[in-house]
Amino acid sequence: DASINLFSTTYNALLVWKAKIPYRLAPATKLAQIFYNKRIKQKRSQSAKPEYEYNLDLIRAFLTDQGIKIVEPRAPYFSFSLDALAKQK
């Protein structure tokens, strides 16, 4: 039903297009973008943010289009009490 290509190549783009997947999302950065029906301009080559944040932008666009509530990840994923850290040191 849907394809989210976090990194697009001509090969990937042709595969999802030939498979007739109705919702095809990818970054609008390469010529292969013509095979997708949903594209997000990102300017990844500027490296303005970490790669995972560009991927999260694509996922957010997908969730928004599907009417699904976005739950943002929060860091740190592990947390330790100050006592546990002191004992470890």
N, C-alpha and C. Protein backbone atom coordinates (compact mmCIF):
# COMPACT_ATOMS: atom_id res chain seq x y z
N ASP A 1 0.80 -1.21 0.00
CA ASP A 1 0.00 0.00 0.00
C ASP A 1 0.84 1.27 0.00
N ALA A 2 2.03 1.20 0.64
CA ALA A 2 2.86 2.40 0.75
C ALA A 2 4.33 2.03 0.75
N SER A 3 5.12 2.93 0.24
CA SER A 3 6.58 2.77 0.24
C SER A 3 7.19 4.09 0.67
N ILE A 4 8.10 4.01 1.64
CA ILE A 4 8.86 5.18 2.06
C ILE A 4 10.33 4.86 1.78
N ASN A 5 10.89 5.51 0.80
CA ASN A 5 12.29 5.30 0.47
C ASN A 5 13.11 6.40 1.15
N LEU A 6 13.83 6.01 2.19
CA LEU A 6 14.62 6.99 2.93
C LEU A 6 15.81 7.47 2.11
N PHE A 7 16.27 6.62 1.24
CA PHE A 7 17.35 6.98 0.31
C PHE A 7 16.94 6.47 -1.05
N SER A 8 16.87 7.33 -2.01
CA SER A 8 16.34 6.96 -3.32
C SER A 8 17.44 6.76 -4.34
N THR A 9 17.29 5.69 -5.10
CA THR A 9 18.12 5.46 -6.28
C THR A 9 17.17 5.19 -7.44
N THR A 10 17.68 5.24 -8.65
CA THR A 10 16.84 4.95 -9.80
C THR A 10 16.29 3.54 -9.72
N TYR A 11 17.11 2.61 -9.26
CA TYR A 11 16.69 1.22 -9.13
C TYR A 11 15.51 1.10 -8.16
N ASN A 12 15.64 1.69 -6.96
CA ASN A 12 14.56 1.66 -5.96
C ASN A 12 13.29 2.29 -6.52
N ALA A 13 13.46 3.44 -7.13
CA ALA A 13 12.31 4.19 -7.64
C ALA A 13 11.55 3.38 -8.70
N LEU A 14 12.28 2.77 -9.60
CA LEU A 14 11.63 1.96 -10.63
C LEU A 14 10.92 0.74 -10.03
N LEU A 15 11.51 0.13 -9.01
CA LEU A 15 10.88 -1.03 -8.38
C LEU A 15 9.52 -0.68 -7.79
N VAL A 16 9.45 0.40 -7.01
CA VAL A 16 8.17 0.74 -6.38
C VAL A 16 7.17 1.26 -7.40
N TRP A 17 7.65 1.90 -8.45
CA TRP A 17 6.76 2.39 -9.50
C TRP A 17 6.19 1.22 -10.30
N LYS A 18 7.05 0.28 -10.69
CA LYS A 18 6.60 -0.89 -11.44
C LYS A 18 5.67 -1.77 -10.61
N ALA A 19 5.87 -1.78 -9.30
CA ALA A 19 5.00 -2.56 -8.41
C ALA A 19 3.64 -1.91 -8.23
N LYS A 20 3.48 -0.72 -8.78
CA LYS A 20 2.22 0.03 -8.71
C LYS A 20 1.77 0.28 -7.26
N ILE A 21 2.74 0.57 -6.43
CA ILE A 21 2.43 0.92 -5.04
C ILE A 21 1.75 2.28 -5.06
N PRO A 22 0.56 2.39 -4.46
CA PRO A 22 -0.21 3.64 -4.59
C PRO A 22 0.43 4.86 -3.94
N TYR A 23 1.11 4.69 -2.83
CA TYR A 23 1.72 5.82 -2.12
C TYR A 23 3.22 5.59 -2.11
N ARG A 24 3.94 6.44 -2.84
CA ARG A 24 5.39 6.30 -2.96
C ARG A 24 6.06 7.60 -2.51
N LEU A 25 6.72 7.56 -1.38
CA LEU A 25 7.34 8.75 -0.77
C LEU A 25 8.85 8.62 -0.78
N ALA A 26 9.53 9.72 -1.12
CA ALA A 26 10.99 9.74 -1.13
C ALA A 26 11.48 11.18 -1.10
N PRO A 27 12.77 11.37 -0.80
CA PRO A 27 13.33 12.72 -0.89
C PRO A 27 13.32 13.20 -2.34
N ALA A 28 13.07 14.47 -2.53
CA ALA A 28 13.07 15.05 -3.88
C ALA A 28 14.46 15.60 -4.17
N THR A 29 15.40 14.67 -4.39
CA THR A 29 16.78 15.12 -4.56
C THR A 29 17.42 14.65 -5.86
N LYS A 30 16.88 13.62 -6.46
CA LYS A 30 17.52 13.07 -7.64
C LYS A 30 16.51 12.96 -8.78
N LEU A 31 17.01 12.70 -9.96
CA LEU A 31 16.16 12.55 -11.13
C LEU A 31 15.11 11.46 -10.92
N ALA A 32 15.43 10.44 -10.14
CA ALA A 32 14.51 9.33 -9.90
C ALA A 32 13.23 9.77 -9.19
N GLN A 33 13.22 10.98 -8.68
CA GLN A 33 12.03 11.46 -7.96
C GLN A 33 10.78 11.46 -8.83
N ILE A 34 10.92 11.44 -10.13
CA ILE A 34 9.75 11.45 -11.02
C ILE A 34 8.90 10.20 -10.86
N PHE A 35 9.46 9.12 -10.29
CA PHE A 35 8.71 7.88 -10.12
C PHE A 35 7.92 7.83 -8.81
N TYR A 36 8.07 8.85 -8.00
CA TYR A 36 7.34 8.92 -6.73
C TYR A 36 6.18 9.89 -6.86
N ASN A 37 5.09 9.61 -6.16
CA ASN A 37 3.96 10.53 -6.21
C ASN A 37 3.90 11.44 -4.99
N LYS A 38 4.81 11.26 -4.06
CA LYS A 38 4.93 12.16 -2.90
C LYS A 38 6.43 12.38 -2.68
N ARG A 39 6.83 13.65 -2.72
CA ARG A 39 8.25 13.98 -2.58
C ARG A 39 8.42 15.09 -1.55
N ILE A 40 9.50 15.02 -0.79
CA ILE A 40 9.82 16.03 0.21
C ILE A 40 11.17 16.64 -0.14
N LYS A 41 11.22 17.95 -0.33
CA LYS A 41 12.49 18.64 -0.58
C LYS A 41 13.26 18.71 0.74
N GLN A 42 14.52 18.27 0.70
CA GLN A 42 15.29 18.21 1.94
C GLN A 42 16.66 18.89 1.89
N LYS A 43 17.30 18.97 0.76
CA LYS A 43 18.64 19.55 0.64
C LYS A 43 19.63 18.83 1.56
N ARG A 44 19.64 17.52 1.47
CA ARG A 44 20.51 16.69 2.31
C ARG A 44 21.99 17.00 2.09
N SER A 45 22.35 17.41 0.90
CA SER A 45 23.76 17.66 0.60
C SER A 45 24.34 18.80 1.44
N GLN A 46 23.48 19.65 1.99
CA GLN A 46 23.97 20.73 2.85
C GLN A 46 24.35 20.23 4.24
N SER A 47 23.92 19.02 4.59
CA SER A 47 24.20 18.43 5.91
C SER A 47 23.86 19.38 7.04
N ALA A 48 22.71 20.01 6.94
CA ALA A 48 22.27 20.96 7.97
C ALA A 48 21.86 20.26 9.27
N LYS A 49 21.56 18.97 9.17
CA LYS A 49 21.18 18.20 10.36
C LYS A 49 21.62 16.76 10.16
N PRO A 50 21.61 15.96 11.22
CA PRO A 50 22.02 14.56 11.08
C PRO A 50 21.10 13.80 10.13
N GLU A 51 21.62 12.76 9.53
CA GLU A 51 20.88 11.96 8.55
C GLU A 51 19.57 11.42 9.13
N TYR A 52 19.59 10.98 10.37
CA TYR A 52 18.37 10.41 10.94
C TYR A 52 17.24 11.44 11.01
N GLU A 53 17.56 12.72 11.15
CA GLU A 53 16.52 13.74 11.21
C GLU A 53 15.85 13.93 9.85
N TYR A 54 16.61 13.80 8.77
CA TYR A 54 16.01 13.85 7.44
C TYR A 54 15.04 12.67 7.27
N ASN A 55 15.45 11.50 7.75
CA ASN A 55 14.58 10.32 7.67
C ASN A 55 13.31 10.52 8.50
N LEU A 56 13.46 11.11 9.69
CA LEU A 56 12.28 11.38 10.52
C LEU A 56 11.33 12.35 9.82
N ASP A 57 11.86 13.30 9.06
CA ASP A 57 11.01 14.23 8.30
C ASP A 57 10.13 13.46 7.31
N LEU A 58 10.72 12.47 6.65
CA LEU A 58 9.95 11.65 5.71
C LEU A 58 8.87 10.85 6.44
N ILE A 59 9.22 10.28 7.56
CA ILE A 59 8.25 9.49 8.34
C ILE A 59 7.12 10.39 8.84
N ARG A 60 7.46 11.60 9.28
CA ARG A 60 6.42 12.54 9.73
C ARG A 60 5.47 12.89 8.60
N ALA A 61 6.00 13.09 7.41
CA ALA A 61 5.16 13.40 6.25
C ALA A 61 4.21 12.25 5.96
N PHE A 62 4.72 11.03 6.03
CA PHE A 62 3.89 9.85 5.80
C PHE A 62 2.77 9.77 6.84
N LEU A 63 3.13 9.91 8.12
CA LEU A 63 2.13 9.81 9.18
C LEU A 63 1.07 10.90 9.04
N THR A 64 1.49 12.11 8.71
CA THR A 64 0.55 13.22 8.51
C THR A 64 -0.41 12.90 7.36
N ASP A 65 0.12 12.42 6.25
CA ASP A 65 -0.72 12.08 5.10
C ASP A 65 -1.72 10.97 5.42
N GLN A 66 -1.34 10.08 6.33
CA GLN A 66 -2.21 8.95 6.69
C GLN A 66 -3.16 9.30 7.83
N GLY A 67 -3.02 10.52 8.38
CA GLY A 67 -3.87 10.94 9.48
C GLY A 67 -3.53 10.24 10.79
N ILE A 68 -2.28 9.86 10.93
CA ILE A 68 -1.81 9.16 12.13
C ILE A 68 -1.08 10.15 13.02
N LYS A 69 -1.37 10.11 14.32
CA LYS A 69 -0.73 11.02 15.27
C LYS A 69 0.78 10.74 15.33
N ILE A 70 1.55 11.80 15.29
CA ILE A 70 3.01 11.69 15.35
C ILE A 70 3.44 11.67 16.82
N VAL A 71 4.22 10.66 17.17
CA VAL A 71 4.80 10.57 18.51
C VAL A 71 6.30 10.77 18.34
N GLU A 72 6.79 11.90 18.82
CA GLU A 72 8.21 12.23 18.63
C GLU A 72 9.09 11.42 19.58
N PRO A 73 10.21 10.92 19.05
CA PRO A 73 11.17 10.24 19.92
C PRO A 73 11.84 11.25 20.84
N ARG A 74 12.18 10.81 22.03
CA ARG A 74 12.86 11.70 22.98
C ARG A 74 14.15 11.05 23.46
N ALA A 75 15.19 11.81 23.53
CA ALA A 75 16.48 11.33 24.04
C ALA A 75 16.65 11.87 25.45
N PRO A 76 17.40 11.30 26.30
CA PRO A 76 18.15 10.05 26.08
C PRO A 76 17.24 8.84 26.21
N TYR A 77 17.63 7.80 25.52
CA TYR A 77 16.81 6.59 25.55
C TYR A 77 17.10 5.77 26.79
N PHE A 78 18.34 5.80 27.26
CA PHE A 78 18.71 5.18 28.54
C PHE A 78 18.94 6.29 29.54
N SER A 79 18.52 6.07 30.74
CA SER A 79 18.86 7.04 31.79
C SER A 79 19.23 6.26 33.05
N PHE A 80 20.19 6.80 33.76
CA PHE A 80 20.68 6.16 34.97
C PHE A 80 20.68 7.18 36.10
N SER A 81 20.43 6.69 37.30
CA SER A 81 20.46 7.58 38.46
C SER A 81 21.90 8.04 38.70
N LEU A 82 22.04 9.16 39.37
CA LEU A 82 23.38 9.67 39.68
C LEU A 82 24.14 8.70 40.56
N ASP A 83 23.43 8.01 41.47
CA ASP A 83 24.09 7.02 42.33
C ASP A 83 24.67 5.86 41.50
N ALA A 84 23.89 5.38 40.56
CA ALA A 84 24.37 4.27 39.71
C ALA A 84 25.58 4.70 38.90
N LEU A 85 25.57 5.93 38.39
CA LEU A 85 26.72 6.42 37.63
C LEU A 85 27.95 6.57 38.51
N ALA A 86 27.74 7.06 39.74
CA ALA A 86 28.87 7.22 40.68
C ALA A 86 29.47 5.85 41.02
N LYS A 87 28.62 4.86 41.23
CA LYS A 87 29.12 3.51 41.56
C LYS A 87 29.91 2.93 40.38
N GLN A 88 29.44 3.18 39.17
CA GLN A 88 30.11 2.66 37.98
C GLN A 88 31.48 3.28 37.82
N LYS A 89 31.60 4.58 38.13
CA LYS A 89 32.91 5.26 38.02
C LYS A 89 33.88 4.67 39.02
